[in-house]
């Protein structure tokens, strides 16, 4: 959990080497404490990906999925890494699995819609976008101050 907090801080608030190092140290310690923990492997993978250590991140994401195929985080964050690396079909596969694991998540369907658009699959993009917007609307009823949900919903409607 500590590693994930530092990763979120690095990604969304404080893009500093200090925050990235904190994420790295915490995720490494988590794996050292329990190498068979899918959550520890997923946290390590996410931290490695933020550090630009993509090949190591891939190995850790795959280890996390192997340890717990029903854990959302490795599918979701691995999909993001695949998107960045241009592995769009793999990103779709991972986002689709993430949506099955956590159907209440609005981000995965909205992000995969972009990939469908990039691949010239407008009907898949529209279906995924509609799904994500509907989920975001429900999420915002319970969490009206969630700026990311509001932003993603608005930009997907108008963007």
Protein backbone atom coordinates (compact mmCIF):
# COMPACT_ATOMS: atom_id res chain seq x y z
CA UNK A 1 0.00 0.00 0.00
CA UNK A 2 2.81 2.38 0.82
CA UNK A 3 4.43 1.75 -2.56
CA UNK A 4 1.14 2.44 -4.32
CA UNK A 5 0.67 5.68 -2.39
CA UNK A 6 4.11 6.88 -3.45
CA UNK A 7 3.39 5.85 -7.03
CA UNK A 8 0.16 7.89 -7.03
CA UNK A 9 1.99 10.84 -5.48
CA UNK A 10 4.64 10.59 -8.18
CA UNK A 11 2.12 10.19 -11.00
CA UNK A 12 -0.44 12.82 -10.00
CA UNK A 13 1.10 15.26 -7.55
CA UNK A 14 4.86 15.37 -7.20
CA UNK A 15 6.96 14.18 -10.12
CA UNK A 16 10.20 14.16 -8.19
CA UNK A 17 13.02 11.69 -7.92
CA UNK A 18 12.39 11.56 -4.18
CA UNK A 19 8.79 10.34 -4.64
CA UNK A 20 9.86 7.83 -7.28
CA UNK A 21 12.64 6.53 -5.01
CA UNK A 22 10.16 6.14 -2.13
CA UNK A 23 7.88 4.10 -4.40
CA UNK A 24 10.80 1.98 -5.54
CA UNK A 25 12.06 1.31 -2.03
CA UNK A 26 8.61 0.47 -0.64
CA UNK A 27 7.74 -1.83 -3.55
CA UNK A 28 11.09 -3.62 -3.35
CA UNK A 29 10.59 -4.13 0.39
CA UNK A 30 7.07 -5.50 -0.19
CA UNK A 31 8.40 -8.11 -2.63
CA UNK A 32 11.25 -8.98 -0.26
CA UNK A 33 8.73 -9.54 2.56
CA UNK A 34 6.43 -11.70 0.43
CA UNK A 35 7.60 -12.60 -3.08
CA UNK A 36 4.46 -14.72 -3.57
CA UNK A 37 2.14 -11.77 -2.99
CA UNK A 38 0.40 -10.72 -6.20
CA UNK A 39 -0.24 -7.30 -4.70
CA UNK A 40 3.43 -6.82 -3.87
CA UNK A 41 4.44 -7.88 -7.38
CA UNK A 42 1.84 -5.53 -8.91
CA UNK A 43 3.09 -2.63 -6.78
CA UNK A 44 6.66 -3.41 -7.75
CA UNK A 45 5.69 -3.58 -11.42
CA UNK A 46 3.92 -0.23 -11.30
CA UNK A 47 6.88 1.39 -9.55
CA UNK A 48 9.29 -0.09 -12.09
CA UNK A 49 7.18 1.19 -14.96
CA UNK A 50 7.20 4.70 -13.49
CA UNK A 51 10.98 4.45 -13.28
CA UNK A 52 11.24 3.59 -16.97
CA UNK A 53 12.37 0.04 -16.22
CA UNK A 54 9.80 -1.40 -18.60
CA UNK A 55 11.18 -4.89 -19.17
CA UNK A 56 11.44 -5.48 -15.43
CA UNK A 57 7.94 -4.05 -15.01
CA UNK A 58 6.53 -6.47 -17.59
CA UNK A 59 8.06 -9.42 -15.76
CA UNK A 60 6.63 -8.23 -12.44
CA UNK A 61 3.17 -7.57 -13.94
CA UNK A 62 3.14 -11.05 -15.43
CA UNK A 63 4.23 -12.53 -12.10
CA UNK A 64 1.40 -10.70 -10.33
CA UNK A 65 -1.17 -11.94 -12.84
CA UNK A 66 0.18 -15.47 -12.56
CA UNK A 67 -0.08 -15.30 -8.75
CA UNK A 68 -3.62 -13.87 -8.79
CA UNK A 69 -5.38 -13.70 -12.16
CA UNK A 70 -8.31 -11.88 -10.51
CA UNK A 71 -6.37 -8.93 -9.14
CA UNK A 72 -7.38 -5.70 -10.90
CA UNK A 73 -4.24 -3.61 -10.51
CA UNK A 74 -1.74 -5.64 -12.54
CA UNK A 75 -4.16 -5.87 -15.45
CA UNK A 76 -4.99 -2.16 -15.37
CA UNK A 77 -1.46 -0.80 -14.92
CA UNK A 78 0.07 -3.34 -17.30
CA UNK A 79 -2.48 -2.22 -19.90
CA UNK A 80 -1.32 1.37 -19.42
CA UNK A 81 2.28 0.30 -19.92
CA UNK A 82 1.38 -1.67 -23.05
CA UNK A 83 -0.41 1.37 -24.44
CA UNK A 84 2.66 3.54 -23.87
CA UNK A 85 4.84 0.90 -25.54
CA UNK A 86 2.53 0.70 -28.56
CA UNK A 87 1.34 -2.83 -27.79
CA UNK A 88 -2.27 -1.89 -28.39
CA UNK A 89 -3.79 -5.35 -28.81
CA UNK A 90 -2.19 -6.48 -25.54
CA UNK A 91 -3.44 -3.30 -23.85
CA UNK A 92 -6.99 -4.08 -25.04
CA UNK A 93 -6.74 -7.63 -23.71
CA UNK A 94 -5.59 -6.38 -20.31
CA UNK A 95 -8.15 -3.57 -20.06
CA UNK A 96 -10.94 -5.98 -21.04
CA UNK A 97 -9.84 -8.37 -18.28
CA UNK A 98 -9.63 -5.49 -15.80
CA UNK A 99 -13.22 -4.54 -16.68
CA UNK A 100 -14.38 -8.08 -15.93
CA UNK A 101 -12.58 -8.07 -12.59
CA UNK A 102 -13.85 -4.65 -11.51
CA UNK A 103 -16.98 -3.81 -13.50
CA UNK A 104 -17.58 -0.68 -11.40
CA UNK A 105 -14.35 0.94 -12.65
CA UNK A 106 -14.98 3.80 -15.07
CA UNK A 107 -11.36 4.34 -16.15
CA UNK A 108 -10.61 1.10 -18.00
CA UNK A 109 -13.54 1.34 -20.44
CA UNK A 110 -12.80 5.01 -21.15
CA UNK A 111 -9.10 4.35 -21.71
CA UNK A 112 -9.67 1.30 -23.91
CA UNK A 113 -12.12 3.36 -26.01
CA UNK A 114 -9.18 5.53 -27.03
CA UNK A 115 -7.26 2.47 -28.20
CA UNK A 116 -10.25 1.23 -30.19
CA UNK A 117 -10.38 4.66 -31.85
CA UNK A 118 -6.66 4.48 -32.62
CA UNK A 119 -7.15 1.08 -34.24
CA UNK A 120 -10.08 2.23 -36.37
CA UNK A 121 -12.70 0.28 -34.43
CA UNK A 122 -15.33 3.00 -33.93
CA UNK A 123 -18.20 0.74 -32.84
CA UNK A 124 -16.06 -0.89 -30.14
CA UNK A 125 -14.86 2.56 -29.09
CA UNK A 126 -18.39 3.92 -28.86
CA UNK A 127 -19.64 0.95 -26.83
CA UNK A 128 -16.73 1.16 -24.41
CA UNK A 129 -17.01 4.93 -24.11
CA UNK A 130 -20.75 4.71 -23.39
CA UNK A 131 -20.10 2.06 -20.76
CA UNK A 132 -17.40 4.15 -19.10
CA UNK A 133 -19.50 7.31 -19.10
CA UNK A 134 -22.45 5.52 -17.51
CA UNK A 135 -20.21 4.01 -14.83
CA UNK A 136 -18.57 7.41 -14.20
CA UNK A 137 -22.01 9.02 -13.81
CA UNK A 138 -22.96 6.44 -11.16
CA UNK A 139 -19.59 6.86 -9.46
CA UNK A 140 -20.03 10.63 -9.36
CA UNK A 141 -23.43 10.29 -7.64
CA UNK A 142 -21.60 8.68 -4.71
CA UNK A 143 -18.33 10.61 -5.08
CA UNK A 144 -19.20 14.07 -6.49
CA UNK A 145 -15.76 15.45 -5.63
CA UNK A 146 -13.84 12.87 -7.69
CA UNK A 147 -12.11 15.22 -10.10
CA UNK A 148 -10.60 12.42 -12.22
CA UNK A 149 -13.98 10.76 -12.79
CA UNK A 150 -15.51 14.10 -13.75
CA UNK A 151 -12.61 14.95 -16.03
CA UNK A 152 -12.62 11.57 -17.75
CA UNK A 153 -16.38 11.63 -18.21
CA UNK A 154 -16.43 15.14 -19.67
CA UNK A 155 -13.45 14.68 -21.97
CA UNK A 156 -14.86 11.40 -23.30
CA UNK A 157 -18.27 12.97 -23.98
CA UNK A 158 -16.84 16.05 -25.67
CA UNK A 159 -13.46 14.76 -26.78
